[in-house]
């Protein structure tokens, strides 16, 4: 643990080589200090927390989060987390609020203000104006006797035993505590609203979760003439031509009403070629096809198709309606293009 960290080739050597033991010791002290700060919050989940949640869930408008400096950075993250978990929210910079952005806040909103000291000038300039409009105010600070705490309808205490900074100056444990309290609010409200994974996906349509929870089979399947199909009287040669034209590695076998009878796949063809007792020119296609084909309905999620393909080690699926009529087809490449897998 006494090894020195040497500079990279070509880089200027530091005046004092770094002591790895000291670095590890310092980092572990930070983790321990911030862990204690979070642990203290458990006793702060109390009636004030409950009242804050009630104000936010009853809010007919939006939760407006504001804070200066490092508290502002934490506030932006809290606003984003609230918005993505079912509580409409946005961030307003207190400095900009004094120069016109205060008009973004309406009487239907609730304000969540962050300041470790509770004495941030930019906040104390705007908060009395909001109180005159009877806009509910939730203060989150490390000083329950501060000016901001006295102005607030609810004060959430996020004071910490100590900052992780050895100088006691840089916001470290205090910003972590504020962030965790913000997450606690967001998740408590999420559960109170009955917010679901599908609701979350609607807020994240471009993300992988959104695609997995919002994309249905009907959104990506091939339809109409793009679906490979032959009737029950087709020969193996006709089936191969249809498979080549449609490029899905299979063809459906249907009756005159388009009801699915079976599927003939590349795998069925390989097995037939390997069976010397099978005469491909004379054997009926219906005797070579798979009659219990794996299918899916168009209303199912695309991720369900991926699960079926993985479970049964297949690369394509036929899509049928609830009466068993062929309505579409898709393969693994369609799922890859849709970034479902």
Protein backbone atom coordinates (compact mmCIF):
# COMPACT_ATOMS: atom_id res chain seq x y z
CA UNK A 1 0.00 0.00 0.00
CA UNK A 2 3.05 2.29 0.00
CA UNK A 3 3.56 2.20 -3.77
CA UNK A 4 3.84 5.58 -5.45
CA UNK A 5 1.71 6.63 -8.40
CA UNK A 6 4.08 7.52 -11.22
CA UNK A 7 3.29 10.02 -14.00
CA UNK A 8 2.46 8.84 -17.49
CA UNK A 9 5.21 8.94 -20.09
CA UNK A 10 5.51 12.43 -21.53
CA UNK A 11 3.54 14.04 -18.69
CA UNK A 12 5.04 16.56 -16.32
CA UNK A 13 6.04 14.95 -13.05
CA UNK A 14 4.22 16.32 -9.98
CA UNK A 15 6.31 18.16 -7.43
CA UNK A 16 5.35 15.59 -4.81
CA UNK A 17 4.66 11.99 -5.90
CA UNK A 18 1.23 10.87 -4.74
CA UNK A 19 1.06 8.48 -1.80
CA UNK A 20 -1.45 5.76 -2.66
CA UNK A 21 -2.03 4.88 1.01
CA UNK A 22 -3.04 8.46 1.75
CA UNK A 23 -5.33 8.57 -1.27
CA UNK A 24 -7.11 5.37 -0.22
CA UNK A 25 -7.41 6.59 3.35
CA UNK A 26 -8.87 9.94 2.24
CA UNK A 27 -11.35 8.34 -0.16
CA UNK A 28 -12.57 5.83 2.42
CA UNK A 29 -13.01 8.65 4.95
CA UNK A 30 -15.22 10.50 2.47
CA UNK A 31 -17.38 7.42 1.88
CA UNK A 32 -17.72 6.84 5.63
CA UNK A 33 -18.62 10.48 6.33
CA UNK A 34 -21.25 10.61 3.59
CA UNK A 35 -22.69 7.26 4.67
CA UNK A 36 -23.19 8.70 8.18
CA UNK A 37 -24.89 11.74 6.69
CA UNK A 38 -27.37 9.51 4.87
CA UNK A 39 -27.96 7.32 7.92
CA UNK A 40 -28.95 10.40 9.96
CA UNK A 41 -31.73 11.10 7.45
CA UNK A 42 -33.67 8.04 8.62
CA UNK A 43 -34.84 9.95 11.70
CA UNK A 44 -35.91 12.89 9.50
CA UNK A 45 -38.59 10.90 7.66
CA UNK A 46 -41.27 12.29 9.93
CA UNK A 47 -44.42 14.42 9.94
CA UNK A 48 -42.62 17.20 8.04
CA UNK A 49 -41.74 14.75 5.29
CA UNK A 50 -45.37 13.58 5.21
CA UNK A 51 -46.64 17.16 4.95
CA UNK A 52 -44.19 17.91 2.13
CA UNK A 53 -45.44 14.88 0.23
CA UNK A 54 -49.05 15.97 0.79
CA UNK A 55 -48.36 19.46 -0.55
CA UNK A 56 -46.71 18.02 -3.64
CA UNK A 57 -49.31 15.37 -4.40
CA UNK A 58 -52.16 17.88 -3.91
CA UNK A 59 -50.44 20.43 -6.16
CA UNK A 60 -52.61 21.19 -9.22
CA UNK A 61 -49.64 22.75 -10.99
CA UNK A 62 -45.98 21.79 -10.86
CA UNK A 63 -43.27 21.46 -8.28
CA UNK A 64 -40.80 24.29 -8.91
CA UNK A 65 -37.35 23.47 -7.55
CA UNK A 66 -34.85 26.24 -6.93
CA UNK A 67 -31.39 26.55 -5.41
CA UNK A 68 -28.10 28.37 -5.85
CA UNK A 69 -24.64 26.96 -6.53
CA UNK A 70 -24.14 23.32 -5.58
CA UNK A 71 -27.66 23.24 -4.10
CA UNK A 72 -28.89 24.34 -7.51
CA UNK A 73 -27.14 21.42 -9.19
CA UNK A 74 -28.80 19.05 -6.73
CA UNK A 75 -32.10 20.83 -7.28
CA UNK A 76 -31.92 20.28 -11.03
CA UNK A 77 -31.45 16.57 -10.48
CA UNK A 78 -34.35 16.42 -7.99
CA UNK A 79 -36.62 18.23 -10.46
CA UNK A 80 -35.64 15.79 -13.22
CA UNK A 81 -36.27 12.78 -10.97
CA UNK A 82 -39.66 14.11 -9.90
CA UNK A 83 -40.69 14.79 -13.50
CA UNK A 84 -39.69 11.32 -14.68
CA UNK A 85 -41.52 9.57 -11.86
CA UNK A 86 -44.96 11.11 -12.17
CA UNK A 87 -44.64 14.47 -10.38
CA UNK A 88 -44.51 17.34 -12.91
CA UNK A 89 -41.54 19.52 -11.94
CA UNK A 90 -38.98 21.93 -13.33
CA UNK A 91 -36.01 23.94 -12.06
CA UNK A 92 -35.83 27.74 -11.82
CA UNK A 93 -32.52 29.46 -11.15
CA UNK A 94 -33.06 31.95 -8.29
CA UNK A 95 -30.80 34.55 -9.88
CA UNK A 96 -32.75 34.42 -13.14
CA UNK A 97 -36.00 34.44 -11.14
CA UNK A 98 -35.12 37.93 -9.87
CA UNK A 99 -34.84 39.08 -13.47
CA UNK A 100 -38.10 37.83 -14.95
CA UNK A 101 -38.22 34.07 -14.49
CA UNK A 102 -40.31 34.50 -11.35
CA UNK A 103 -43.21 34.76 -13.77
CA UNK A 104 -42.79 31.05 -14.51
CA UNK A 105 -44.15 30.25 -11.05
CA UNK A 106 -47.93 30.32 -10.63
CA UNK A 107 -50.32 30.14 -7.68
CA UNK A 108 -51.06 26.51 -8.64
CA UNK A 109 -47.44 25.48 -8.04
CA UNK A 110 -45.45 24.33 -5.02
CA UNK A 111 -41.90 25.59 -4.53
CA UNK A 112 -39.11 23.36 -3.20
CA UNK A 113 -36.13 25.53 -2.23
CA UNK A 114 -32.67 24.16 -1.39
CA UNK A 115 -29.99 25.92 0.64
CA UNK A 116 -27.66 24.29 3.14
CA UNK A 117 -27.37 27.47 5.22
CA UNK A 118 -30.94 28.57 4.63
CA UNK A 119 -29.61 32.11 4.22
CA UNK A 120 -28.83 32.25 0.49
CA UNK A 121 -29.39 35.85 -0.62
CA UNK A 122 -30.77 35.02 -4.05
CA UNK A 123 -33.43 32.78 -2.47
CA UNK A 124 -34.32 35.22 0.30
CA UNK A 125 -34.93 37.84 -2.38
CA UNK A 126 -37.64 35.84 -4.13
CA UNK A 127 -39.20 33.64 -1.45
CA UNK A 128 -41.04 36.45 0.40
CA UNK A 129 -42.60 37.47 -2.93
CA UNK A 130 -43.86 33.92 -3.44
CA UNK A 131 -45.24 33.77 0.09
CA UNK A 132 -47.29 36.93 -0.57
CA UNK A 133 -48.95 35.04 -3.41
CA UNK A 134 -49.71 32.19 -0.98
CA UNK A 135 -47.62 29.75 -3.00
CA UNK A 136 -46.77 26.76 -0.77
CA UNK A 137 -43.08 26.58 0.09
CA UNK A 138 -41.05 23.53 1.11
CA UNK A 139 -37.58 24.39 2.35
CA UNK A 140 -34.74 21.87 2.41
CA UNK A 141 -31.79 23.06 4.45
CA UNK A 142 -29.29 22.18 7.14
CA UNK A 143 -30.51 24.88 9.53
CA UNK A 144 -34.00 24.65 10.98
CA UNK A 145 -33.64 28.11 12.53
CA UNK A 146 -32.72 29.79 9.25
CA UNK A 147 -34.64 32.57 7.52
CA UNK A 148 -35.69 30.18 4.76
CA UNK A 149 -36.94 27.60 7.26
CA UNK A 150 -39.04 30.26 9.02
CA UNK A 151 -40.60 31.33 5.71
CA UNK A 152 -41.53 27.80 4.70
CA UNK A 153 -44.75 25.87 5.19
CA UNK A 154 -42.59 22.78 5.69
CA UNK A 155 -38.91 22.51 6.54
CA UNK A 156 -37.01 19.33 5.69
CA UNK A 157 -33.90 19.05 7.84
CA UNK A 158 -30.92 17.76 5.84
CA UNK A 159 -28.21 18.85 8.27
CA UNK A 160 -25.18 16.56 8.46
CA UNK A 161 -22.73 15.74 11.28
CA UNK A 162 -19.81 16.90 9.14
CA UNK A 163 -18.82 17.65 5.58
CA UNK A 164 -16.52 15.15 3.92
CA UNK A 165 -14.23 18.03 2.94
CA UNK A 166 -11.41 18.17 5.57
CA UNK A 167 -11.62 21.97 5.47
CA UNK A 168 -15.35 21.80 6.21
CA UNK A 169 -15.96 24.15 3.30
CA UNK A 170 -16.79 22.29 0.08
CA UNK A 171 -20.40 21.02 0.01
CA UNK A 172 -20.02 17.24 0.02
CA UNK A 173 -21.99 15.30 2.62
CA UNK A 174 -24.61 18.08 2.71
CA UNK A 175 -25.31 17.86 -1.02
CA UNK A 176 -25.46 14.07 -0.78
CA UNK A 177 -28.02 14.32 2.01
CA UNK A 178 -30.14 16.78 0.01
CA UNK A 179 -30.00 14.52 -3.02
CA UNK A 180 -31.09 11.47 -1.02
CA UNK A 181 -33.95 13.42 0.59
CA UNK A 182 -35.05 14.49 -2.89
CA UNK A 183 -34.99 10.88 -4.05
CA UNK A 184 -37.00 9.87 -0.98
CA UNK A 185 -39.67 12.44 -1.88
CA UNK A 186 -39.78 11.34 -5.52
CA UNK A 187 -40.09 7.63 -4.78
CA UNK A 188 -42.62 8.13 -1.99
CA UNK A 189 -44.76 10.15 -4.41
CA UNK A 190 -44.23 7.57 -7.16
CA UNK A 191 -45.68 4.85 -4.96
CA UNK A 192 -48.48 7.09 -3.65
CA UNK A 193 -49.57 7.84 -7.22
CA UNK A 194 -49.45 4.18 -8.26
CA UNK A 195 -46.89 5.11 -10.93
CA UNK A 196 -46.03 2.04 -13.03
CA UNK A 197 -43.16 0.90 -15.23
CA UNK A 198 -45.39 1.67 -18.24
CA UNK A 199 -45.88 5.23 -16.96
CA UNK A 200 -42.11 5.56 -16.57
CA UNK A 201 -41.59 4.29 -20.12
CA UNK A 202 -43.93 6.95 -21.50
CA UNK A 203 -41.58 9.56 -20.03
CA UNK A 204 -38.59 7.78 -21.62
CA UNK A 205 -39.77 6.75 -25.10
CA UNK A 206 -36.27 6.91 -26.58
CA UNK A 207 -34.66 4.82 -23.85
CA UNK A 208 -34.29 1.07 -23.83
CA UNK A 209 -36.96 0.74 -21.15
CA UNK A 210 -39.37 2.82 -23.21
CA UNK A 211 -38.86 0.62 -26.24
CA UNK A 212 -39.29 -2.54 -24.17
CA UNK A 213 -42.52 -1.37 -22.54
CA UNK A 214 -44.15 0.64 -25.30
CA UNK A 215 -43.31 -1.13 -28.56
CA UNK A 216 -45.89 -3.71 -29.63
CA UNK A 217 -45.67 -6.51 -32.18
CA UNK A 218 -48.05 -4.59 -34.44
CA UNK A 219 -45.52 -1.71 -34.57
CA UNK A 220 -42.73 -3.77 -36.14
CA UNK A 221 -44.25 -6.85 -37.82
CA UNK A 222 -44.40 -7.41 -41.57
CA UNK A 223 -47.92 -7.32 -42.96
CA UNK A 224 -49.82 -7.90 -46.22
CA UNK A 225 -47.74 -9.12 -49.14
CA UNK A 226 -44.58 -8.96 -47.02
CA UNK A 227 -45.72 -11.99 -45.03
CA UNK A 228 -44.47 -15.30 -46.49
CA UNK A 229 -47.36 -17.72 -46.98
CA UNK A 230 -48.35 -20.67 -49.15
CA UNK A 231 -51.46 -22.81 -49.16
CA UNK A 232 -51.63 -26.42 -48.04
CA UNK A 233 -51.29 -27.74 -51.62
CA UNK A 234 -47.96 -26.00 -52.23
CA UNK A 235 -44.88 -28.01 -53.10
CA UNK A 236 -41.59 -27.76 -51.29
CA UNK A 237 -40.17 -25.90 -54.31
CA UNK A 238 -42.97 -23.30 -54.10
CA UNK A 239 -42.36 -22.90 -50.38
CA UNK A 240 -38.64 -22.30 -50.99
CA UNK A 241 -39.38 -19.66 -53.62
CA UNK A 242 -41.71 -17.87 -51.20
CA UNK A 243 -39.13 -18.03 -48.40
CA UNK A 244 -36.45 -16.59 -50.70
CA UNK A 245 -38.69 -13.75 -51.85
CA UNK A 246 -39.80 -12.66 -48.39
CA UNK A 247 -36.46 -13.18 -46.65
CA UNK A 248 -37.69 -14.18 -43.20
CA UNK A 249 -36.28 -17.71 -43.20
CA UNK A 250 -39.73 -19.32 -43.11
CA UNK A 251 -43.14 -19.42 -44.69
CA UNK A 252 -46.57 -19.86 -43.16
CA UNK A 253 -48.83 -22.63 -44.46
CA UNK A 254 -52.47 -21.50 -44.46
CA UNK A 255 -55.89 -22.68 -45.63
CA UNK A 256 -58.22 -20.79 -47.95
CA UNK A 257 -59.35 -18.50 -45.09
CA UNK A 258 -55.77 -17.62 -44.11
CA UNK A 259 -56.03 -19.69 -40.94
CA UNK A 260 -52.58 -20.87 -39.91
CA UNK A 261 -51.97 -24.59 -40.40
CA UNK A 262 -48.25 -24.69 -39.82
CA UNK A 263 -44.86 -23.20 -40.64
CA UNK A 264 -42.02 -24.39 -42.86
CA UNK A 265 -38.63 -23.05 -41.85
CA UNK A 266 -34.99 -23.25 -42.87
CA UNK A 267 -34.59 -25.72 -40.03
CA UNK A 268 -37.35 -27.97 -41.44
CA UNK A 269 -35.61 -27.92 -44.82
CA UNK A 270 -32.24 -28.88 -43.33
CA UNK A 271 -33.79 -31.74 -41.41
CA UNK A 272 -35.53 -32.96 -44.57
CA UNK A 273 -32.29 -32.81 -46.56
CA UNK A 274 -30.60 -34.85 -43.85
CA UNK A 275 -33.29 -37.54 -44.04
CA UNK A 276 -32.54 -39.81 -47.01
CA UNK A 277 -36.05 -41.30 -46.79
CA UNK A 278 -37.57 -37.94 -47.77
CA UNK A 279 -38.05 -37.18 -51.46
CA UNK A 280 -38.39 -33.39 -51.59
CA UNK A 281 -40.06 -33.54 -55.02
CA UNK A 282 -42.70 -36.05 -54.04
CA UNK A 283 -43.29 -35.41 -50.32
CA UNK A 284 -46.18 -33.10 -49.45
CA UNK A 285 -45.17 -29.83 -47.77
CA UNK A 286 -47.77 -30.43 -45.05
CA UNK A 287 -45.87 -33.53 -43.92
CA UNK A 288 -42.63 -31.56 -43.51
CA UNK A 289 -43.99 -28.40 -41.88
CA UNK A 290 -44.13 -27.78 -38.14
CA UNK A 291 -47.78 -27.92 -37.14
CA UNK A 292 -47.37 -26.53 -33.64
CA UNK A 293 -45.73 -23.31 -34.71
CA UNK A 294 -44.78 -20.73 -32.11
CA UNK A 295 -46.97 -17.69 -32.67
CA UNK A 296 -47.74 -14.38 -31.06
CA UNK A 297 -50.61 -11.90 -31.25
CA UNK A 298 -50.12 -8.33 -32.53
CA UNK A 299 -51.17 -6.72 -29.25
CA UNK A 300 -48.27 -8.27 -27.32
CA UNK A 301 -45.13 -6.29 -26.49
CA UNK A 302 -42.18 -6.76 -28.83
CA UNK A 303 -40.06 -7.80 -25.88
CA UNK A 304 -42.32 -10.84 -25.50
CA UNK A 305 -41.34 -11.93 -29.01
CA UNK A 306 -37.69 -11.65 -28.01
CA UNK A 307 -38.37 -13.80 -24.94
CA UNK A 308 -40.09 -16.49 -27.03
CA UNK A 309 -37.29 -16.56 -29.58
CA UNK A 310 -34.70 -16.96 -26.84
CA UNK A 311 -36.69 -19.59 -24.94
CA UNK A 312 -37.34 -21.82 -27.96
CA UNK A 313 -34.13 -21.00 -29.86
CA UNK A 314 -35.96 -19.73 -32.93
CA UNK A 315 -35.31 -16.70 -35.10
CA UNK A 316 -38.77 -15.81 -36.41
CA UNK A 317 -42.41 -15.77 -35.36
CA UNK A 318 -45.74 -15.75 -37.13
CA UNK A 319 -48.32 -13.29 -35.87
CA UNK A 320 -51.93 -14.44 -35.65
CA UNK A 321 -55.11 -12.87 -34.36
CA UNK A 322 -57.16 -14.46 -31.58
CA UNK A 323 -59.03 -16.58 -34.15
CA UNK A 324 -55.79 -18.09 -35.46
CA UNK A 325 -55.76 -16.09 -38.71
CA UNK A 326 -52.35 -15.08 -40.06
CA UNK A 327 -51.86 -11.29 -39.84
CA UNK A 328 -48.10 -10.78 -39.81
CA UNK A 329 -44.59 -12.08 -39.28
CA UNK A 330 -41.30 -10.90 -37.81
CA UNK A 331 -37.81 -12.19 -37.16
CA UNK A 332 -34.87 -11.40 -34.92
CA UNK A 333 -33.57 -8.75 -37.32
CA UNK A 334 -36.81 -6.78 -36.91
CA UNK A 335 -36.27 -6.79 -33.15
CA UNK A 336 -32.65 -5.71 -33.59
CA UNK A 337 -33.66 -2.84 -35.89
CA UNK A 338 -36.21 -1.73 -33.30
CA UNK A 339 -33.48 -2.02 -30.62
CA UNK A 340 -35.63 -4.26 -28.51
CA UNK A 341 -32.70 -6.67 -28.13
